[in-house]
Protein backbone atom coordinates (compact mmCIF):
# COMPACT_ATOMS: atom_id res chain seq x y z
CA MET A 1 -14.35 40.91 -32.84
CA PRO A 2 -15.37 43.02 -29.80
CA LEU A 3 -15.56 41.44 -26.38
CA GLU A 4 -19.04 40.40 -25.35
CA ILE A 5 -20.45 41.68 -22.08
CA ILE A 6 -22.02 38.70 -20.29
CA GLU A 7 -22.70 40.22 -16.86
CA LYS A 8 -23.08 43.63 -15.27
CA ILE A 9 -23.10 44.33 -11.54
CA GLU A 10 -25.53 46.80 -10.02
CA VAL A 11 -25.59 47.65 -6.31
CA LYS A 12 -28.46 49.65 -4.90
CA ARG A 13 -28.38 51.74 -1.73
CA LEU A 14 -31.41 52.22 0.50
CA GLN A 15 -32.08 55.14 2.82
CA ILE A 16 -35.51 56.15 4.10
CA ILE A 17 -34.76 58.61 6.93
CA ASN A 18 -31.81 60.95 6.42
CA GLU A 19 -29.51 62.55 9.01
CA ARG A 20 -31.90 65.48 9.47
CA GLY A 21 -34.78 63.20 10.35
CA GLU A 22 -36.48 63.72 6.98
CA ALA A 23 -38.18 60.70 5.40
CA ASP A 24 -38.59 59.70 1.77
CA PRO A 25 -42.38 60.06 1.24
CA GLU A 26 -42.44 57.18 -1.25
CA LEU A 27 -40.67 54.70 1.04
CA ILE A 28 -41.75 55.62 4.57
CA PRO A 29 -45.28 54.10 4.21
CA SER A 30 -43.61 50.68 3.92
CA VAL A 31 -42.66 50.95 7.60
CA SER A 32 -45.47 51.92 9.97
CA ASP A 33 -45.11 54.67 12.56
CA GLU A 34 -45.96 52.08 15.21
CA GLU A 35 -43.06 49.86 14.15
CA ILE A 36 -40.64 52.80 14.05
CA THR A 37 -41.73 53.82 17.57
CA ARG A 38 -41.15 50.28 18.81
CA CYS A 39 -37.72 50.32 17.21
CA PHE A 40 -36.93 53.60 18.99
CA GLU A 41 -37.86 52.09 22.35
CA ALA A 42 -35.89 48.91 21.61
CA MET A 43 -32.87 51.01 20.63
CA ILE A 44 -33.03 52.89 23.93
CA LEU A 45 -33.21 49.58 25.81
CA ALA A 46 -30.23 48.24 23.84
CA ARG A 47 -28.25 51.42 24.55
CA VAL A 48 -28.97 51.25 28.28
CA PHE A 49 -27.96 47.59 28.28
CA ASN A 50 -24.73 48.59 26.55
CA GLN A 51 -23.98 51.49 28.90
CA ARG A 52 -24.48 49.28 31.94
CA ALA A 53 -22.27 46.56 30.44
CA LEU A 54 -19.43 49.04 29.94
CA SER A 55 -19.78 50.22 33.54
CA LEU A 56 -19.82 46.66 34.85
CA GLN A 57 -16.66 45.86 32.90
CA ARG A 58 -14.84 48.86 34.32
CA GLU A 59 -15.84 47.75 37.81
CA GLY A 60 -14.52 44.24 37.19
CA ARG A 61 -17.97 42.66 37.39
CA ILE A 62 -17.91 41.27 33.82
CA GLY A 63 -15.06 40.48 31.45
CA THR A 64 -14.09 41.92 28.08
CA TYR A 65 -17.15 43.36 26.33
CA ALA A 66 -17.88 44.42 22.74
CA SER A 67 -19.85 47.68 22.64
CA ILE A 68 -22.70 48.21 20.17
CA LEU A 69 -22.75 52.02 20.44
CA GLY A 70 -23.62 53.51 17.04
CA GLN A 71 -24.88 50.23 15.61
CA GLU A 72 -28.27 50.05 17.32
CA ALA A 73 -30.26 50.74 14.12
CA SER A 74 -28.52 47.95 12.21
CA GLN A 75 -29.17 45.51 15.03
CA VAL A 76 -32.66 46.46 16.17
CA GLY A 77 -34.05 47.18 12.70
CA SER A 78 -32.98 43.82 11.34
CA ALA A 79 -33.86 41.82 14.47
CA ARG A 80 -37.42 43.12 14.52
CA ALA A 81 -37.90 42.10 10.88
CA PHE A 82 -37.27 38.42 11.64
CA SER A 83 -40.17 36.29 12.84
CA ASP A 84 -39.90 34.10 15.92
CA ASP A 85 -39.77 31.03 13.65
CA ASP A 86 -36.63 32.21 11.88
CA TRP A 87 -33.16 31.25 13.12
CA LEU A 88 -30.50 33.82 14.00
CA PHE A 89 -26.74 33.34 14.07
CA PRO A 90 -25.05 36.29 15.84
CA SER A 91 -21.39 37.20 16.05
CA PHE A 92 -19.94 38.62 19.28
CA ARG A 93 -21.26 42.17 18.75
CA GLU A 94 -24.98 41.44 18.51
CA SER A 95 -26.14 42.16 22.05
CA GLY A 96 -28.64 44.62 20.55
CA VAL A 97 -30.08 41.91 18.30
CA LEU A 98 -30.63 39.59 21.25
CA VAL A 99 -32.13 42.35 23.41
CA ALA A 100 -34.53 43.30 20.59
CA LYS A 101 -35.63 39.66 20.23
CA GLY A 102 -36.41 39.40 23.94
CA TYR A 103 -33.41 37.33 25.00
CA PRO A 104 -33.16 37.48 28.82
CA MET A 105 -30.72 40.27 29.57
CA TRP A 106 -29.57 38.68 32.81
CA MET A 107 -28.34 35.72 30.76
CA LEU A 108 -26.39 38.03 28.47
CA TYR A 109 -24.70 39.62 31.47
CA ARG A 110 -23.86 36.14 32.78
CA TYR A 111 -22.30 35.30 29.41
CA TRP A 112 -20.16 38.44 29.39
CA ALA A 113 -19.11 37.57 32.93
CA GLY A 114 -17.67 34.32 31.58
CA ASP A 115 -20.57 31.98 32.31
CA GLU A 116 -21.31 29.95 29.15
CA ARG A 117 -24.76 29.07 30.52
CA GLY A 118 -25.74 32.56 29.44
CA MET A 119 -25.77 31.30 25.86
CA LYS A 120 -28.14 28.41 26.58
CA CYS A 121 -30.99 29.84 24.54
CA PRO A 122 -34.40 29.69 26.26
CA GLU A 123 -37.29 27.81 24.69
CA GLY A 124 -39.19 29.88 22.16
CA LEU A 125 -36.14 31.75 20.86
CA ASN A 126 -34.31 30.42 17.81
CA ILE A 127 -30.94 32.03 18.43
CA PHE A 128 -27.60 30.27 18.24
CA PRO A 129 -24.79 31.19 20.69
CA MET A 130 -22.67 34.22 19.86
CA SER A 131 -19.73 33.33 17.61
CA VAL A 132 -16.46 34.86 18.78
CA PRO A 133 -14.36 33.26 15.99
CA VAL A 134 -14.72 35.63 13.05
CA GLY A 135 -16.91 34.34 10.23
CA THR A 136 -16.98 30.67 11.18
CA HIS A 137 -20.73 30.73 11.78
CA VAL A 138 -21.60 31.92 8.26
CA PRO A 139 -21.63 28.37 6.77
CA HIS A 140 -23.59 27.17 9.83
CA ALA A 141 -26.40 29.61 9.05
CA MET A 142 -26.38 28.59 5.39
CA GLY A 143 -26.60 24.92 6.41
CA ALA A 144 -29.54 25.58 8.70
CA ALA A 145 -31.31 27.53 5.96
CA TRP A 146 -30.73 24.76 3.44
CA ALA A 147 -32.07 22.19 5.92
CA MET A 148 -35.23 24.25 6.41
CA LYS A 149 -35.70 24.42 2.65
CA LEU A 150 -35.26 20.65 2.27
CA LYS A 151 -37.84 20.08 4.98
CA GLY A 152 -40.30 22.41 3.30
CA HIS A 153 -40.37 24.92 6.16
CA ARG A 154 -41.33 28.48 5.34
CA LYS A 155 -38.57 29.91 7.48
CA ALA A 156 -35.26 31.69 7.00
CA ALA A 157 -31.92 32.08 8.71
CA GLY A 158 -30.14 35.34 9.43
CA VAL A 159 -26.42 35.61 10.09
CA TYR A 160 -24.54 38.65 11.39
CA PHE A 161 -20.88 39.51 10.86
CA GLY A 162 -18.67 42.56 10.43
CA ASP A 163 -16.73 43.96 7.51
CA GLY A 164 -13.70 42.02 8.75
CA GLY A 165 -15.73 38.82 8.51
CA SER A 166 -16.19 39.41 4.77
CA SER A 167 -12.46 38.75 4.33
CA LYS A 168 -12.71 35.22 5.69
CA GLY A 169 -12.95 32.09 3.57
CA ASP A 170 -16.00 30.98 5.56
CA PHE A 171 -17.85 34.04 4.25
CA HIS A 172 -17.34 33.08 0.61
CA GLU A 173 -18.03 29.40 1.25
CA GLY A 174 -21.32 30.25 2.93
CA LEU A 175 -22.37 32.64 0.17
CA ASN A 176 -21.36 30.23 -2.57
CA PHE A 177 -23.41 27.37 -1.15
CA ALA A 178 -26.36 29.67 -0.50
CA GLY A 179 -26.31 30.92 -4.07
CA VAL A 180 -26.07 27.44 -5.60
CA PHE A 181 -28.87 25.96 -3.48
CA LYS A 182 -30.99 29.15 -3.23
CA ALA A 183 -30.97 28.76 0.53
CA PRO A 184 -33.38 31.00 2.45
CA VAL A 185 -30.72 32.95 4.31
CA VAL A 186 -30.11 36.66 4.87
CA PHE A 187 -26.47 37.65 5.28
CA LEU A 188 -26.19 40.81 7.40
CA CYS A 189 -22.84 42.56 7.27
CA GLN A 190 -22.51 45.33 9.84
CA ASN A 191 -19.87 47.36 8.05
CA ASN A 192 -18.75 49.55 10.94
CA GLN A 193 -15.66 50.71 9.00
CA TRP A 194 -13.09 49.07 11.30
CA ALA A 195 -12.07 45.45 11.94
CA ILE A 196 -10.26 46.19 15.21
CA SER A 197 -7.50 48.51 13.86
CA VAL A 198 -7.84 47.51 10.19
CA PRO A 199 -9.88 50.04 8.16
CA ARG A 200 -12.56 49.08 5.67
CA SER A 201 -10.26 50.20 2.85
CA SER A 202 -7.84 47.41 3.73
CA GLN A 203 -10.53 44.70 3.74
CA THR A 204 -11.32 44.78 0.05
CA ALA A 205 -10.65 46.74 -3.13
CA ALA A 206 -14.36 46.45 -4.01
CA LYS A 207 -16.37 49.64 -3.76
CA THR A 208 -18.96 47.89 -1.58
CA ILE A 209 -19.22 44.70 0.40
CA ALA A 210 -22.75 44.25 -0.94
CA GLN A 211 -21.46 43.61 -4.48
CA LYS A 212 -19.70 40.44 -3.33
CA ALA A 213 -23.08 38.71 -3.51
CA SER A 214 -22.99 39.05 -7.31
CA ALA A 215 -20.03 36.67 -7.57
CA HIS A 216 -22.18 34.04 -5.87
CA GLY A 217 -25.26 34.55 -8.00
CA PHE A 218 -27.63 36.59 -5.87
CA GLU A 219 -28.51 40.13 -4.86
CA GLY A 220 -26.55 42.38 -2.53
CA ILE A 221 -27.83 45.71 -1.25
CA GLN A 222 -26.21 48.45 0.79
CA VAL A 223 -28.41 50.22 3.32
CA ASP A 224 -27.79 53.25 5.51
CA GLY A 225 -27.06 51.28 8.67
CA ASN A 226 -27.90 54.27 10.89
CA ASP A 227 -31.41 54.40 9.43
CA VAL A 228 -33.53 51.88 11.32
CA ALA A 229 -36.40 52.15 8.84
CA ALA A 230 -34.14 51.29 5.90
CA VAL A 231 -32.59 48.34 7.72
CA TYR A 232 -36.02 47.04 8.71
CA LYS A 233 -37.41 47.32 5.17
CA ALA A 234 -34.37 45.76 3.51
CA THR A 235 -34.46 42.82 5.91
CA LYS A 236 -38.22 42.36 5.51
CA ASP A 237 -37.89 42.37 1.72
CA ALA A 238 -35.02 39.88 1.86
CA LEU A 239 -37.00 37.57 4.13
CA GLU A 240 -40.05 37.67 1.88
CA LYS A 241 -37.88 36.75 -1.08
CA ALA A 242 -36.10 33.98 0.83
CA LYS A 243 -39.33 32.39 2.03
CA ASN A 244 -40.77 32.40 -1.48
CA ASN A 245 -37.86 30.43 -2.96
CA GLY A 246 -36.17 33.58 -4.24
CA GLY A 247 -32.86 32.73 -2.64
CA PRO A 248 -30.49 34.61 -0.33
CA THR A 249 -29.63 38.29 0.02
CA LEU A 250 -26.51 40.04 1.32
CA ILE A 251 -27.33 43.25 3.19
CA GLU A 252 -24.46 45.60 3.92
CA CYS A 253 -25.40 47.92 6.78
CA PHE A 254 -23.14 50.94 6.33
CA THR A 255 -22.64 52.15 9.90
CA TYR A 256 -19.91 53.06 12.39
CA ARG A 257 -18.47 51.69 15.63
CA LEU A 258 -18.39 54.71 17.95
CA ASP A 259 -16.62 52.90 20.80
CA ASP A 260 -13.44 50.86 20.94
CA HIS A 261 -13.47 47.43 19.29
CA THR A 262 -13.84 45.91 22.77
CA THR A 263 -13.03 47.10 26.27
CA SER A 264 -9.53 45.68 25.68
CA ASP A 265 -8.92 48.07 22.76
CA ASP A 266 -7.87 51.72 22.46
CA ALA A 267 -9.26 53.01 19.17
CA SER A 268 -7.59 56.42 19.63
CA ARG A 269 -4.33 54.75 18.57
CA TYR A 270 -5.54 54.17 15.01
CA ARG A 271 -8.37 56.58 14.20
CA SER A 272 -8.82 60.32 14.62
CA LYS A 273 -11.11 62.11 17.03
CA GLU A 274 -12.46 64.12 14.07
CA GLU A 275 -13.57 60.96 12.28
CA VAL A 276 -15.40 59.67 15.34
CA GLU A 277 -17.13 63.00 15.99
CA ALA A 278 -18.25 63.26 12.36
CA TRP A 279 -19.97 59.88 12.67
CA ARG A 280 -21.36 60.70 16.11
CA ALA A 281 -23.42 63.44 14.47
CA LYS A 282 -25.03 60.73 12.30
CA GLU A 283 -25.73 58.25 15.10
CA PRO A 284 -29.02 56.33 14.77
CA LEU A 285 -30.87 57.32 17.93
CA LEU A 286 -30.39 61.04 17.24
CA ARG A 287 -31.71 60.61 13.70
CA LEU A 288 -34.77 58.65 14.76
CA ARG A 289 -35.55 61.14 17.52
CA LEU A 290 -35.59 63.93 14.95
CA TYR A 291 -37.95 61.98 12.70
CA LEU A 292 -40.36 61.06 15.50
CA GLU A 293 -40.43 64.69 16.63
CA LYS A 294 -41.34 65.79 13.11
CA ILE A 295 -44.34 63.45 13.00
CA GLY A 296 -45.49 64.32 16.52
CA LYS A 297 -44.48 61.01 18.14
CA TRP A 298 -41.65 62.31 20.33
CA THR A 299 -41.48 64.56 23.37
CA LYS A 300 -38.78 64.96 25.97
CA GLY A 301 -41.09 63.51 28.58
CA TYR A 302 -41.79 60.47 26.40
CA GLU A 303 -38.11 59.66 25.94
CA GLU A 304 -37.37 60.23 29.63
CA SER A 305 -40.16 57.80 30.53
CA VAL A 306 -38.90 55.17 28.08
CA THR A 307 -35.33 55.59 29.32
CA LYS A 308 -36.34 55.33 32.99
CA LYS A 309 -38.30 52.15 32.30
CA ALA A 310 -35.33 50.70 30.41
CA GLU A 311 -32.92 51.55 33.22
CA GLU A 312 -35.16 49.96 35.83
CA SER A 313 -35.54 46.83 33.70
CA VAL A 314 -31.80 46.52 33.02
CA ASP A 315 -30.84 47.12 36.66
CA ALA A 316 -33.25 44.39 37.76
CA GLU A 317 -31.67 42.03 35.22
CA ILE A 318 -28.19 42.83 36.54
CA LYS A 319 -29.29 41.95 40.08
CA LYS A 320 -30.70 38.68 38.81
CA ALA A 321 -27.50 37.89 36.93
CA GLU A 322 -25.28 38.54 39.92
CA ALA A 323 -27.52 36.54 42.25
CA PHE A 324 -27.33 33.50 39.98
CA PRO A 325 -25.11 30.72 41.43
CA PRO A 326 -21.70 30.35 39.75
CA PRO A 327 -21.13 27.51 37.29
CA ASP A 328 -19.78 24.13 38.34
CA PRO A 329 -16.06 23.94 37.37
CA ALA A 330 -16.71 20.37 36.22
CA ASP A 331 -18.70 21.79 33.34
CA LEU A 332 -15.37 22.55 31.66
CA ILE A 333 -15.04 18.79 31.15
CA ARG A 334 -18.66 17.66 31.26
CA TYR A 335 -19.81 19.61 28.21
CA THR A 336 -16.78 19.42 25.94
CA TYR A 337 -18.38 16.52 24.04
CA ALA A 338 -21.88 15.09 23.88
CA GLU A 339 -20.68 12.18 26.03
CA LEU A 340 -17.71 11.88 28.37
CA THR A 341 -14.71 10.05 26.98
CA LEU A 342 -12.83 7.47 29.07
CA ARG A 343 -10.08 10.01 29.63
CA GLN A 344 -12.56 12.65 30.77
CA LYS A 345 -14.23 10.22 33.16
CA LYS A 346 -10.81 9.54 34.66
CA GLU A 347 -10.12 13.28 34.97
CA MET A 348 -13.47 13.84 36.63
CA LYS A 349 -12.77 11.08 39.13
CA GLU A 350 -9.25 12.28 39.89
CA SER A 351 -10.45 15.85 40.35
CA GLY A 352 -13.13 14.80 42.79
CA TRP A 353 -15.78 16.52 40.69
CA GLY A 354 -17.89 13.39 40.29
CA SER A 355 -19.47 12.50 36.95
């Protein structure tokens, strides 16, 4: 008796704007020219923020920093698809997501300078602190999404992680729960091909990361992560499904980390210059510039104006960050728990820090 096929896995890939700036005529109407232009401007702002952060780190004015160069489309395109009512759970490489959502840049610079107050999210923004531990925040996002569903809220959660995060147990636990309870959560994997020095090929034997959703009972899709229009559409579609009780989606943004893993890394020790340059030719801002030029929305003067405005804004935020008073050392003890323990009260007293 022949074996019965009980399940087949299908993974779709989405691209709207290719590397030459040419758009699929059937898909491009789903993303307005106005939205694409806003994404372009947000990507420039995110890139300026990133460039300044790298310079500040080299000057010793902030600590170790994780660059987003090459991943601006994955971050900005997805961030702009979420509404202000949705909840976002970033990893440590989502500065572009926060910038696109209007998070105060001076607070981000404070955070990267070692001041945890930079992650005290302002009112009106539903963004959890960046998660440096890899993958641990995936179940947190699922739990928040499930809670929103139980309360009858028409909202969703979005959680960001890298290809390395897909190898963690927390990743599978979060996806499994989300699939069982049809939680309104969008899992966003920024597959930038390298988890520090470990290549994508060593993360999994699966052809895609997107297909891992199938094992947990819901859809996974791979998008061209350097195509901001594709990322935006895929995220919008996933959010619409999530908010209409259609369950979660795993989006694999196929992109590339053009810089070192962090400013403490030297990527030239484990990847070739030829590989990096090949991906640099596909970088998202170059692609979007070509598309906007084709539709008459880009000129050199326009980009120079947007860039100048971004630089002025970022520089003003840096001044604000560096003028902010340093944190109280007692905060190391004061905010470890919701309330001070007897031992902590004793430590505070002995240190002379007060209570």
